[in-house]
Amino acid sequence: MTSAAPEIRSRNTGARWSPDVHASLRARGYLPDGEPFATGGPDRASLPLISASGLQVVAKLFPDGCGEACWKNMIELWASPFGERRQPPGLPRPVEYLPDIDALILERLPGRPLLEKGEPDEDAIDDAMRLVAGLHDSGAHPPRRRNAKRIVRSLERKTDRLRATAPALAVPISSVVDFLRSRPMRDSTLVPCHGDFSPRNVLVSPGRSALIDWDRFQLADPARDIAHFGAWCWAERVRRGEKPSWSVLDRAVTAYDALRPSARIRERLGFHVAAGLVRVSESLILHSPEDALVVPALAAEALRRLEAA
């Protein structure tokens, strides 16, 4: 008789792999194949599995009911030039969606997220920019659209939620959002964007890189992805108590400009860097409250970038 599978908690998430989840996976022929990944989102759990046919896969559990939307995003991308037709594909192959447990089964690629290698060096940044530039040129059709007005509205909703959960920290964030609201920005041509582009979501292995975690796939200004990558790295330095530097963003912009000069992302970078720092601030407050003391510094830098722009 097969013993019951132990309950497994992803090390960086609060999501729980309950016996019911394991039972559903086993019923479909998927068995655990190693420890939960060391790097993960704050609200997602991912577990390495092996299928009955020997295929190495990953199960990603969505406790918030967003699994089906993410599955559709990946199917759209897989059918685009960024997916199956690209050599190598720019994302893992989607295998199946399990609605009863709201989980995705994805091809398991070798390698680890860029985050685990420390701050990205110039070669890693250049490689990540080639990857995201390919996404921006893919012609895929995300279901969501995020122009400048919608970004500001989204940040306003985030600020409203923070006023209820962390009123003191909501004050500096509100100043940034007020500034963004007062300075309307003209949109560029919107392109397929990752929506959460950072070293956390770039999977790196010898000879191949891929983007993972597609629940925020959207049509947006290409500057949004590049700015978020740089803002995330700047904030990560502050969070670790290190001297902040915009060297990652500077290199990313230079590399991206060489690939897609017509995008002219520098013209709108200040807006999107500030928006990215607000998003990182909200994530710290909600998911890493022990690090939330850095939020005023992030807000101050967002204002400084806006004023300089």
C-alpha atoms as a PDB file:
ATOM      1  CA  MET A   1       0.000   0.000   0.000  1.00  0.00           C
ATOM      2  CA  THR A   2       1.313   3.436  -0.930  1.00  0.00           C
ATOM      3  CA  SER A   3       1.917   5.688   2.048  1.00  0.00           C
ATOM      4  CA  ALA A   4       0.238   9.065   2.186  1.00  0.00           C
ATOM      5  CA  ALA A   5       2.262  11.889   0.679  1.00  0.00           C
ATOM      6  CA  PRO A   6       3.628  14.313   3.273  1.00  0.00           C
ATOM      7  CA  GLU A   7       2.340  17.830   3.308  1.00  0.00           C
ATOM      8  CA  ILE A   8       4.911  20.064   1.640  1.00  0.00           C
ATOM      9  CA  ARG A   9       5.216  23.818   2.153  1.00  0.00           C
ATOM     10  CA  SER A  10       7.138  25.790  -0.433  1.00  0.00           C
ATOM     11  CA  ARG A  11      10.031  27.488   1.350  1.00  0.00           C
ATOM     12  CA  ASN A  12       9.279  31.001   0.149  1.00  0.00           C
ATOM     13  CA  THR A  13       5.502  30.868   0.025  1.00  0.00           C
ATOM     14  CA  GLY A  14       2.578  30.332   2.285  1.00  0.00           C
ATOM     15  CA  ALA A  15       0.838  28.092  -0.222  1.00  0.00           C
ATOM     16  CA  ARG A  16       0.324  24.565   1.034  1.00  0.00           C
ATOM     17  CA  TRP A  17       0.435  21.253  -0.771  1.00  0.00           C
ATOM     18  CA  SER A  18      -2.343  19.461   1.060  1.00  0.00           C
ATOM     19  CA  PRO A  19      -3.075  15.719   0.896  1.00  0.00           C
ATOM     20  CA  ASP A  20      -5.998  16.490  -1.451  1.00  0.00           C
ATOM     21  CA  VAL A  21      -3.648  18.247  -3.867  1.00  0.00           C
ATOM     22  CA  HIS A  22      -1.224  15.323  -3.787  1.00  0.00           C
ATOM     23  CA  ALA A  23      -4.092  12.885  -4.325  1.00  0.00           C
ATOM     24  CA  SER A  24      -5.264  14.809  -7.395  1.00  0.00           C
ATOM     25  CA  LEU A  25      -1.736  14.857  -8.838  1.00  0.00           C
ATOM     26  CA  ARG A  26      -1.198  11.138  -8.134  1.00  0.00           C
ATOM     27  CA  ALA A  27      -4.530  10.310  -9.798  1.00  0.00           C
ATOM     28  CA  ARG A  28      -3.128  11.846 -12.979  1.00  0.00           C
ATOM     29  CA  GLY A  29       0.178  10.009 -12.685  1.00  0.00           C
ATOM     30  CA  TYR A  30       2.299  12.822 -11.241  1.00  0.00           C
ATOM     31  CA  LEU A  31       4.655  12.002  -8.367  1.00  0.00           C
ATOM     32  CA  PRO A  32       6.952  14.321  -6.355  1.00  0.00           C
ATOM     33  CA  ASP A  33      10.435  14.493  -7.822  1.00  0.00           C
ATOM     34  CA  GLY A  34      12.563  16.547  -5.433  1.00  0.00           C
ATOM     35  CA  GLU A  35      12.263  19.343  -2.915  1.00  0.00           C
ATOM     36  CA  PRO A  36      10.169  22.487  -3.459  1.00  0.00           C
ATOM     37  CA  PHE A  37      12.109  25.200  -5.217  1.00  0.00           C
ATOM     38  CA  ALA A  38      14.162  27.582  -3.092  1.00  0.00           C
ATOM     39  CA  THR A  39      12.986  30.618  -5.082  1.00  0.00           C
ATOM     40  CA  GLY A  40       9.316  31.343  -5.559  1.00  0.00           C
ATOM     41  CA  GLY A  41       6.699  34.029  -5.520  1.00  0.00           C
ATOM     42  CA  PRO A  42       5.236  35.096  -2.206  1.00  0.00           C
ATOM     43  CA  ASP A  43       1.802  33.748  -3.065  1.00  0.00           C
ATOM     44  CA  ARG A  44       2.583  30.776  -5.323  1.00  0.00           C
ATOM     45  CA  ALA A  45       3.917  27.299  -4.656  1.00  0.00           C
ATOM     46  CA  SER A  46       5.791  25.216  -7.226  1.00  0.00           C
ATOM     47  CA  LEU A  47       6.738  21.566  -6.902  1.00  0.00           C
ATOM     48  CA  PRO A  48       8.921  19.406  -9.172  1.00  0.00           C
ATOM     49  CA  LEU A  49       7.089  16.306 -10.371  1.00  0.00           C
ATOM     50  CA  ILE A  50       7.609  13.409 -12.728  1.00  0.00           C
ATOM     51  CA  SER A  51       4.816  12.080 -14.935  1.00  0.00           C
ATOM     52  CA  ALA A  52       3.879   8.450 -15.518  1.00  0.00           C
ATOM     53  CA  SER A  53       5.747   8.617 -18.838  1.00  0.00           C
ATOM     54  CA  GLY A  54       8.895   9.972 -17.177  1.00  0.00           C
ATOM     55  CA  LEU A  55       8.419  13.617 -18.206  1.00  0.00           C
ATOM     56  CA  GLN A  56       9.928  16.068 -15.725  1.00  0.00           C
ATOM     57  CA  VAL A  57       7.383  18.793 -14.986  1.00  0.00           C
ATOM     58  CA  VAL A  58       6.499  21.489 -12.476  1.00  0.00           C
ATOM     59  CA  ALA A  59       3.124  21.927 -10.800  1.00  0.00           C
ATOM     60  CA  LYS A  60       2.271  25.519  -9.947  1.00  0.00           C
ATOM     61  CA  LEU A  61      -0.549  25.996  -7.460  1.00  0.00           C
ATOM     62  CA  PHE A  62      -2.736  29.105  -7.535  1.00  0.00           C
ATOM     63  CA  PRO A  63      -4.476  29.689  -4.187  1.00  0.00           C
ATOM     64  CA  ASP A  64      -6.177  32.830  -5.525  1.00  0.00           C
ATOM     65  CA  GLY A  65      -8.042  31.178  -8.403  1.00  0.00           C
ATOM     66  CA  CYS A  66      -5.912  32.674 -11.203  1.00  0.00           C
ATOM     67  CA  GLY A  67      -4.622  29.418 -12.640  1.00  0.00           C
ATOM     68  CA  GLU A  68      -6.947  29.227 -15.630  1.00  0.00           C
ATOM     69  CA  ALA A  69      -6.091  32.762 -16.752  1.00  0.00           C
ATOM     70  CA  CYS A  70      -2.368  32.001 -16.505  1.00  0.00           C
ATOM     71  CA  TRP A  71      -2.891  28.786 -18.486  1.00  0.00           C
ATOM     72  CA  LYS A  72      -4.626  30.711 -21.278  1.00  0.00           C
ATOM     73  CA  ASN A  73      -1.811  33.255 -21.315  1.00  0.00           C
ATOM     74  CA  MET A  74       0.753  30.502 -21.765  1.00  0.00           C
ATOM     75  CA  ILE A  75      -1.245  28.804 -24.504  1.00  0.00           C
ATOM     76  CA  GLU A  76      -1.426  32.125 -26.374  1.00  0.00           C
ATOM     77  CA  LEU A  77       2.320  32.613 -26.016  1.00  0.00           C
ATOM     78  CA  TRP A  78       3.162  29.030 -26.939  1.00  0.00           C
ATOM     79  CA  ALA A  79       1.337  29.504 -30.254  1.00  0.00           C
ATOM     80  CA  SER A  80       3.182  32.770 -30.962  1.00  0.00           C
ATOM     81  CA  PRO A  81       6.676  33.228 -32.436  1.00  0.00           C
ATOM     82  CA  PHE A  82       7.939  33.484 -28.843  1.00  0.00           C
ATOM     83  CA  GLY A  83       6.800  29.929 -28.097  1.00  0.00           C
ATOM     84  CA  GLU A  84       7.091  26.628 -29.932  1.00  0.00           C
ATOM     85  CA  ARG A  85       8.442  28.182 -33.151  1.00  0.00           C
ATOM     86  CA  ARG A  86      11.301  29.951 -31.357  1.00  0.00           C
ATOM     87  CA  GLN A  87      14.547  28.038 -30.939  1.00  0.00           C
ATOM     88  CA  PRO A  88      14.728  27.604 -28.070  1.00  0.00           C
ATOM     89  CA  PRO A  89      11.225  28.616 -26.927  1.00  0.00           C
ATOM     90  CA  GLY A  90      11.070  31.654 -24.667  1.00  0.00           C
ATOM     91  CA  LEU A  91       8.904  29.942 -22.046  1.00  0.00           C
ATOM     92  CA  PRO A  92       8.363  26.435 -20.671  1.00  0.00           C
ATOM     93  CA  ARG A  93       5.892  24.295 -22.609  1.00  0.00           C
ATOM     94  CA  PRO A  94       2.451  24.290 -20.953  1.00  0.00           C
ATOM     95  CA  VAL A  95       1.385  20.666 -20.404  1.00  0.00           C
ATOM     96  CA  GLU A  96      -2.085  20.805 -18.804  1.00  0.00           C
ATOM     97  CA  TYR A  97      -4.357  22.718 -16.455  1.00  0.00           C
ATOM     98  CA  LEU A  98      -5.983  20.967 -13.485  1.00  0.00           C
ATOM     99  CA  PRO A  99      -9.138  22.930 -12.592  1.00  0.00           C
ATOM    100  CA  ASP A 100     -10.040  20.919  -9.496  1.00  0.00           C
ATOM    101  CA  ILE A 101      -6.896  22.119  -7.698  1.00  0.00           C
ATOM    102  CA  ASP A 102      -6.301  25.250  -9.825  1.00  0.00           C
ATOM    103  CA  ALA A 103      -2.810  24.151 -10.818  1.00  0.00           C
ATOM    104  CA  LEU A 104      -0.712  24.331 -13.968  1.00  0.00           C
ATOM    105  CA  ILE A 105       1.542  21.529 -15.127  1.00  0.00           C
ATOM    106  CA  LEU A 106       4.525  22.899 -17.034  1.00  0.00           C
ATOM    107  CA  GLU A 107       7.631  21.500 -18.650  1.00  0.00           C
ATOM    108  CA  ARG A 108      10.472  21.533 -16.117  1.00  0.00           C
ATOM    109  CA  LEU A 109      13.487  23.244 -17.608  1.00  0.00           C
ATOM    110  CA  PRO A 110      17.024  22.835 -16.254  1.00  0.00           C
ATOM    111  CA  GLY A 111      18.535  25.800 -14.505  1.00  0.00           C
ATOM    112  CA  ARG A 112      17.552  28.239 -11.788  1.00  0.00           C
ATOM    113  CA  PRO A 113      16.118  31.747 -11.646  1.00  0.00           C
ATOM    114  CA  LEU A 114      18.579  34.548 -12.331  1.00  0.00           C
ATOM    115  CA  LEU A 115      17.846  35.830  -8.816  1.00  0.00           C
ATOM    116  CA  GLU A 116      19.719  32.885  -7.304  1.00  0.00           C
ATOM    117  CA  LYS A 117      22.919  33.939  -9.060  1.00  0.00           C
ATOM    118  CA  GLY A 118      23.027  37.281  -7.244  1.00  0.00           C
ATOM    119  CA  GLU A 119      22.803  40.657  -8.942  1.00  0.00           C
ATOM    120  CA  PRO A 120      22.938  40.059 -12.706  1.00  0.00           C
ATOM    121  CA  ASP A 121      26.170  40.902 -14.501  1.00  0.00           C
ATOM    122  CA  GLU A 122      26.324  42.552 -17.916  1.00  0.00           C
ATOM    123  CA  ASP A 123      26.133  39.275 -19.862  1.00  0.00           C
ATOM    124  CA  ALA A 124      23.095  38.125 -17.877  1.00  0.00           C
ATOM    125  CA  ILE A 125      21.374  41.479 -18.342  1.00  0.00           C
ATOM    126  CA  ASP A 126      22.046  41.433 -22.087  1.00  0.00           C
ATOM    127  CA  ASP A 127      20.643  37.910 -22.340  1.00  0.00           C
ATOM    128  CA  ALA A 128      17.517  38.892 -20.390  1.00  0.00           C
ATOM    129  CA  MET A 129      16.986  41.896 -22.677  1.00  0.00           C
ATOM    130  CA  ARG A 130      17.247  39.716 -25.781  1.00  0.00           C
ATOM    131  CA  LEU A 131      14.618  37.459 -24.276  1.00  0.00           C
ATOM    132  CA  VAL A 132      12.166  40.225 -23.409  1.00  0.00           C
ATOM    133  CA  ALA A 133      12.755  42.001 -26.735  1.00  0.00           C
ATOM    134  CA  GLY A 134      11.687  38.781 -28.457  1.00  0.00           C
ATOM    135  CA  LEU A 135       8.525  38.778 -26.371  1.00  0.00           C
ATOM    136  CA  HIS A 136       7.803  42.405 -27.267  1.00  0.00           C
ATOM    137  CA  ASP A 137       8.166  41.562 -30.972  1.00  0.00           C
ATOM    138  CA  SER A 138       6.114  38.358 -30.765  1.00  0.00           C
ATOM    139  CA  GLY A 139       2.745  39.762 -31.808  1.00  0.00           C
ATOM    140  CA  ALA A 140       1.007  37.712 -29.103  1.00  0.00           C
ATOM    141  CA  HIS A 141      -2.390  38.947 -27.888  1.00  0.00           C
ATOM    142  CA  PRO A 142      -2.710  39.265 -24.091  1.00  0.00           C
ATOM    143  CA  PRO A 143      -6.247  39.643 -22.725  1.00  0.00           C
ATOM    144  CA  ARG A 144      -5.284  42.595 -20.511  1.00  0.00           C
ATOM    145  CA  ARG A 145      -4.274  46.101 -21.511  1.00  0.00           C
ATOM    146  CA  ARG A 146      -2.248  48.459 -19.301  1.00  0.00           C
ATOM    147  CA  ASN A 147      -1.847  51.956 -20.720  1.00  0.00           C
ATOM    148  CA  ALA A 148      -0.596  54.824 -18.557  1.00  0.00           C
ATOM    149  CA  LYS A 149      -4.064  55.752 -17.265  1.00  0.00           C
ATOM    150  CA  ARG A 150      -4.817  52.180 -16.243  1.00  0.00           C
ATOM    151  CA  ILE A 151      -1.448  51.877 -14.530  1.00  0.00           C
ATOM    152  CA  VAL A 152      -2.215  54.941 -12.417  1.00  0.00           C
ATOM    153  CA  ARG A 153      -5.672  53.577 -11.569  1.00  0.00           C
ATOM    154  CA  SER A 154      -4.103  50.281 -10.530  1.00  0.00           C
ATOM    155  CA  LEU A 155      -1.617  52.099  -8.292  1.00  0.00           C
ATOM    156  CA  GLU A 156      -4.465  54.097  -6.760  1.00  0.00           C
ATOM    157  CA  ARG A 157      -6.229  50.855  -5.841  1.00  0.00           C
ATOM    158  CA  LYS A 158      -3.025  49.513  -4.324  1.00  0.00           C
ATOM    159  CA  THR A 159      -2.664  52.687  -2.259  1.00  0.00           C
ATOM    160  CA  ASP A 160      -6.256  52.419  -1.036  1.00  0.00           C
ATOM    161  CA  ARG A 161      -5.595  48.868   0.162  1.00  0.00           C
ATOM    162  CA  LEU A 162      -2.389  49.945   1.887  1.00  0.00           C
ATOM    163  CA  ARG A 163      -4.211  52.706   3.772  1.00  0.00           C
ATOM    164  CA  ALA A 164      -6.244  49.963   5.417  1.00  0.00           C
ATOM    165  CA  THR A 165      -3.354  47.587   6.142  1.00  0.00           C
ATOM    166  CA  ALA A 166      -0.321  49.869   6.648  1.00  0.00           C
ATOM    167  CA  PRO A 167      -1.513  53.482   6.901  1.00  0.00           C
ATOM    168  CA  ALA A 168       1.874  54.936   7.853  1.00  0.00           C
ATOM    169  CA  LEU A 169       3.603  53.355   4.869  1.00  0.00           C
ATOM    170  CA  ALA A 170       0.751  54.337   2.554  1.00  0.00           C
ATOM    171  CA  VAL A 171       1.631  58.028   3.052  1.00  0.00           C
ATOM    172  CA  PRO A 172       4.899  58.084   1.044  1.00  0.00           C
ATOM    173  CA  ILE A 173       3.392  55.775  -1.568  1.00  0.00           C
ATOM    174  CA  SER A 174       0.436  58.176  -1.959  1.00  0.00           C
ATOM    175  CA  SER A 175       2.851  61.023  -2.734  1.00  0.00           C
ATOM    176  CA  VAL A 176       4.281  59.065  -5.657  1.00  0.00           C
ATOM    177  CA  VAL A 177       0.861  58.137  -7.013  1.00  0.00           C
ATOM    178  CA  ASP A 178      -0.316  61.758  -6.702  1.00  0.00           C
ATOM    179  CA  PHE A 179       2.682  62.871  -8.752  1.00  0.00           C
ATOM    180  CA  LEU A 180       1.978  60.260 -11.441  1.00  0.00           C
ATOM    181  CA  ARG A 181      -1.653  61.339 -11.579  1.00  0.00           C
ATOM    182  CA  SER A 182      -0.726  65.006 -11.948  1.00  0.00           C
ATOM    183  CA  ARG A 183       1.627  64.410 -14.882  1.00  0.00           C
ATOM    184  CA  PRO A 184      -0.271  62.481 -17.570  1.00  0.00           C
ATOM    185  CA  MET A 185       2.013  60.548 -19.904  1.00  0.00           C
ATOM    186  CA  ARG A 186       1.444  59.904 -23.570  1.00  0.00           C
ATOM    187  CA  ASP A 187       1.471  56.202 -24.354  1.00  0.00           C
ATOM    188  CA  SER A 188       3.771  54.547 -26.818  1.00  0.00           C
ATOM    189  CA  THR A 189       2.765  51.620 -29.006  1.00  0.00           C
ATOM    190  CA  LEU A 190       1.710  48.860 -26.618  1.00  0.00           C
ATOM    191  CA  VAL A 191       3.336  45.448 -27.018  1.00  0.00           C
ATOM    192  CA  PRO A 192       3.005  42.019 -25.335  1.00  0.00           C
ATOM    193  CA  CYS A 193       4.725  42.432 -21.948  1.00  0.00           C
ATOM    194  CA  HIS A 194       5.528  40.017 -19.163  1.00  0.00           C
ATOM    195  CA  GLY A 195       4.114  42.331 -16.488  1.00  0.00           C
ATOM    196  CA  ASP A 196       6.443  41.106 -13.706  1.00  0.00           C
ATOM    197  CA  PHE A 197       9.821  41.062 -15.442  1.00  0.00           C
ATOM    198  CA  SER A 198      12.601  40.676 -12.883  1.00  0.00           C
ATOM    199  CA  PRO A 199      15.511  38.318 -12.132  1.00  0.00           C
ATOM    200  CA  ARG A 200      13.010  36.241 -10.149  1.00  0.00           C
ATOM    201  CA  ASN A 201      11.204  35.296 -13.381  1.00  0.00           C
ATOM    202  CA  VAL A 202      14.156  34.707 -15.730  1.00  0.00           C
ATOM    203  CA  LEU A 203      15.154  31.040 -15.724  1.00  0.00           C
ATOM    204  CA  VAL A 204      18.794  30.546 -16.738  1.00  0.00           C
ATOM    205  CA  SER A 205      20.544  27.369 -17.861  1.00  0.00           C
ATOM    206  CA  PRO A 206      23.528  26.684 -20.135  1.00  0.00           C
ATOM    207  CA  GLY A 207      22.594  27.688 -23.660  1.00  0.00           C
ATOM    208  CA  ARG A 208      19.063  28.765 -22.814  1.00  0.00           C
ATOM    209  CA  SER A 209      17.014  31.307 -20.902  1.00  0.00           C
ATOM    210  CA  ALA A 210      13.239  31.403 -20.510  1.00  0.00           C
ATOM    211  CA  LEU A 211      10.620  33.579 -18.863  1.00  0.00           C
ATOM    212  CA  ILE A 212       8.357  32.040 -16.230  1.00  0.00           C
ATOM    213  CA  ASP A 213       5.244  33.089 -14.248  1.00  0.00           C
ATOM    214  CA  TRP A 214       2.805  34.468 -16.797  1.00  0.00           C
ATOM    215  CA  ASP A 215      -0.196  35.482 -14.676  1.00  0.00           C
ATOM    216  CA  ARG A 216       0.434  39.219 -15.348  1.00  0.00           C
ATOM    217  CA  PHE A 217       0.832  38.941 -19.134  1.00  0.00           C
ATOM    218  CA  GLN A 218      -0.461  42.186 -20.669  1.00  0.00           C
ATOM    219  CA  LEU A 219      -0.328  44.694 -23.499  1.00  0.00           C
ATOM    220  CA  ALA A 220       1.760  47.582 -22.204  1.00  0.00           C
ATOM    221  CA  ASP A 221       4.507  50.052 -22.961  1.00  0.00           C
ATOM    222  CA  PRO A 222       7.772  48.123 -23.454  1.00  0.00           C
ATOM    223  CA  ALA A 223       9.389  50.557 -20.988  1.00  0.00           C
ATOM    224  CA  ARG A 224       7.208  48.972 -18.293  1.00  0.00           C
ATOM    225  CA  ASP A 225       9.091  45.654 -18.402  1.00  0.00           C
ATOM    226  CA  ILE A 226      12.548  47.216 -18.601  1.00  0.00           C
ATOM    227  CA  ALA A 227      11.852  49.740 -15.834  1.00  0.00           C
ATOM    228  CA  HIS A 228      10.450  47.058 -13.532  1.00  0.00           C
ATOM    229  CA  PHE A 229      13.546  44.890 -14.031  1.00  0.00           C
ATOM    230  CA  GLY A 230      15.797  47.790 -13.025  1.00  0.00           C
ATOM    231  CA  ALA A 231      13.563  49.047 -10.199  1.00  0.00           C
ATOM    232  CA  TRP A 232      13.349  45.554  -8.708  1.00  0.00           C
ATOM    233  CA  CYS A 233      17.157  45.234  -8.679  1.00  0.00           C
ATOM    234  CA  TRP A 234      17.576  48.713  -7.140  1.00  0.00           C
ATOM    235  CA  ALA A 235      15.049  47.891  -4.419  1.00  0.00           C
ATOM    236  CA  GLU A 236      16.683  44.517  -3.769  1.00  0.00           C
ATOM    237  CA  ARG A 237      19.984  46.269  -3.007  1.00  0.00           C
ATOM    238  CA  VAL A 238      18.215  48.569  -0.552  1.00  0.00           C
ATOM    239  CA  ARG A 239      16.444  45.621   1.045  1.00  0.00           C
ATOM    240  CA  ARG A 240      19.782  43.849   1.582  1.00  0.00           C
ATOM    241  CA  GLY A 241      21.277  46.957   3.197  1.00  0.00           C
ATOM    242  CA  GLU A 242      23.698  47.563   0.324  1.00  0.00           C
ATOM    243  CA  LYS A 243      24.521  50.813  -1.432  1.00  0.00           C
ATOM    244  CA  PRO A 244      21.775  51.375  -4.034  1.00  0.00           C
ATOM    245  CA  SER A 245      22.797  51.573  -7.673  1.00  0.00           C
ATOM    246  CA  TRP A 246      20.976  51.963 -10.971  1.00  0.00           C
ATOM    247  CA  SER A 247      23.719  50.156 -12.881  1.00  0.00           C
ATOM    248  CA  VAL A 248      21.432  47.225 -13.751  1.00  0.00           C
ATOM    249  CA  LEU A 249      18.795  49.525 -15.224  1.00  0.00           C
ATOM    250  CA  ASP A 250      21.402  51.549 -17.117  1.00  0.00           C
ATOM    251  CA  ARG A 251      22.834  48.412 -18.710  1.00  0.00           C
ATOM    252  CA  ALA A 252      19.349  47.038 -19.426  1.00  0.00           C
ATOM    253  CA  VAL A 253      18.272  50.217 -21.216  1.00  0.00           C
ATOM    254  CA  THR A 254      21.463  50.304 -23.286  1.00  0.00           C
ATOM    255  CA  ALA A 255      21.066  46.657 -24.295  1.00  0.00           C
ATOM    256  CA  TYR A 256      17.359  47.025 -25.067  1.00  0.00           C
ATOM    257  CA  ASP A 257      17.898  50.216 -27.090  1.00  0.00           C
ATOM    258  CA  ALA A 258      20.346  48.340 -29.306  1.00  0.00           C
ATOM    259  CA  LEU A 259      17.735  45.657 -29.988  1.00  0.00           C
ATOM    260  CA  ARG A 260      14.620  47.851 -30.400  1.00  0.00           C
ATOM    261  CA  PRO A 261      15.744  51.472 -30.938  1.00  0.00           C
ATOM    262  CA  SER A 262      12.370  52.495 -32.337  1.00  0.00           C
ATOM    263  CA  ALA A 263      10.746  51.839 -28.941  1.00  0.00           C
ATOM    264  CA  ARG A 264      12.516  54.926 -27.489  1.00  0.00           C
ATOM    265  CA  ILE A 265      11.910  53.716 -23.956  1.00  0.00           C
ATOM    266  CA  ARG A 266      14.100  56.393 -22.315  1.00  0.00           C
ATOM    267  CA  GLU A 267      11.398  58.986 -22.946  1.00  0.00           C
ATOM    268  CA  ARG A 268       8.991  57.238 -20.560  1.00  0.00           C
ATOM    269  CA  LEU A 269      11.403  55.553 -18.180  1.00  0.00           C
ATOM    270  CA  GLY A 270      10.837  57.871 -15.201  1.00  0.00           C
ATOM    271  CA  PHE A 271       7.100  57.145 -15.106  1.00  0.00           C
ATOM    272  CA  HIS A 272       7.577  53.388 -15.286  1.00  0.00           C
ATOM    273  CA  VAL A 273      10.467  53.259 -12.813  1.00  0.00           C
ATOM    274  CA  ALA A 274       8.329  55.119 -10.267  1.00  0.00           C
ATOM    275  CA  ALA A 275       5.377  52.798 -10.924  1.00  0.00           C
ATOM    276  CA  GLY A 276       7.706  49.806 -10.539  1.00  0.00           C
ATOM    277  CA  LEU A 277       8.987  51.037  -7.180  1.00  0.00           C
ATOM    278  CA  VAL A 278       5.400  51.443  -5.958  1.00  0.00           C
ATOM    279  CA  ARG A 279       4.622  47.863  -7.001  1.00  0.00           C
ATOM    280  CA  VAL A 280       7.730  46.555  -5.246  1.00  0.00           C
ATOM    281  CA  SER A 281       6.775  48.558  -2.134  1.00  0.00           C
ATOM    282  CA  GLU A 282       3.319  47.026  -2.033  1.00  0.00           C
ATOM    283  CA  SER A 283       4.767  43.528  -2.396  1.00  0.00           C
ATOM    284  CA  LEU A 284       7.172  44.123   0.500  1.00  0.00           C
ATOM    285  CA  ILE A 285       4.401  45.428   2.746  1.00  0.00           C
ATOM    286  CA  LEU A 286       2.063  42.525   1.985  1.00  0.00           C
ATOM    287  CA  HIS A 287       4.499  39.627   1.700  1.00  0.00           C
ATOM    288  CA  SER A 288       7.737  40.647   3.463  1.00  0.00           C
ATOM    289  CA  PRO A 289       6.673  42.950   6.302  1.00  0.00           C
ATOM    290  CA  GLU A 290      10.059  42.502   7.961  1.00  0.00           C
ATOM    291  CA  ASP A 291      11.541  44.412   4.986  1.00  0.00           C
ATOM    292  CA  ALA A 292       8.837  47.067   4.732  1.00  0.00           C
ATOM    293  CA  LEU A 293      10.940  49.647   6.599  1.00  0.00           C
ATOM    294  CA  VAL A 294      12.677  50.373   3.281  1.00  0.00           C
ATOM    295  CA  VAL A 295       9.434  51.538   1.645  1.00  0.00           C
ATOM    296  CA  PRO A 296       9.951  55.273   2.443  1.00  0.00           C
ATOM    297  CA  ALA A 297      13.361  55.074   0.735  1.00  0.00           C
ATOM    298  CA  LEU A 298      11.773  53.477  -2.328  1.00  0.00           C
ATOM    299  CA  ALA A 299       9.084  56.154  -2.454  1.00  0.00           C
ATOM    300  CA  ALA A 300      11.657  58.943  -2.096  1.00  0.00           C
ATOM    301  CA  GLU A 301      13.688  57.515  -4.969  1.00  0.00           C
ATOM    302  CA  ALA A 302      10.539  57.207  -7.113  1.00  0.00           C
ATOM    303  CA  LEU A 303       9.841  60.908  -6.574  1.00  0.00           C
ATOM    304  CA  ARG A 304      13.437  61.803  -7.321  1.00  0.00           C
ATOM    305  CA  ARG A 305      13.330  59.896 -10.615  1.00  0.00           C
ATOM    306  CA  LEU A 306      10.054  61.565 -11.568  1.00  0.00           C
ATOM    307  CA  GLU A 307      11.336  65.037 -10.809  1.00  0.00           C
ATOM    308  CA  ALA A 308      14.518  64.366 -12.764  1.00  0.00           C
ATOM    309  CA  ALA A 309      12.482  63.148 -15.719  1.00  0.00           C
END
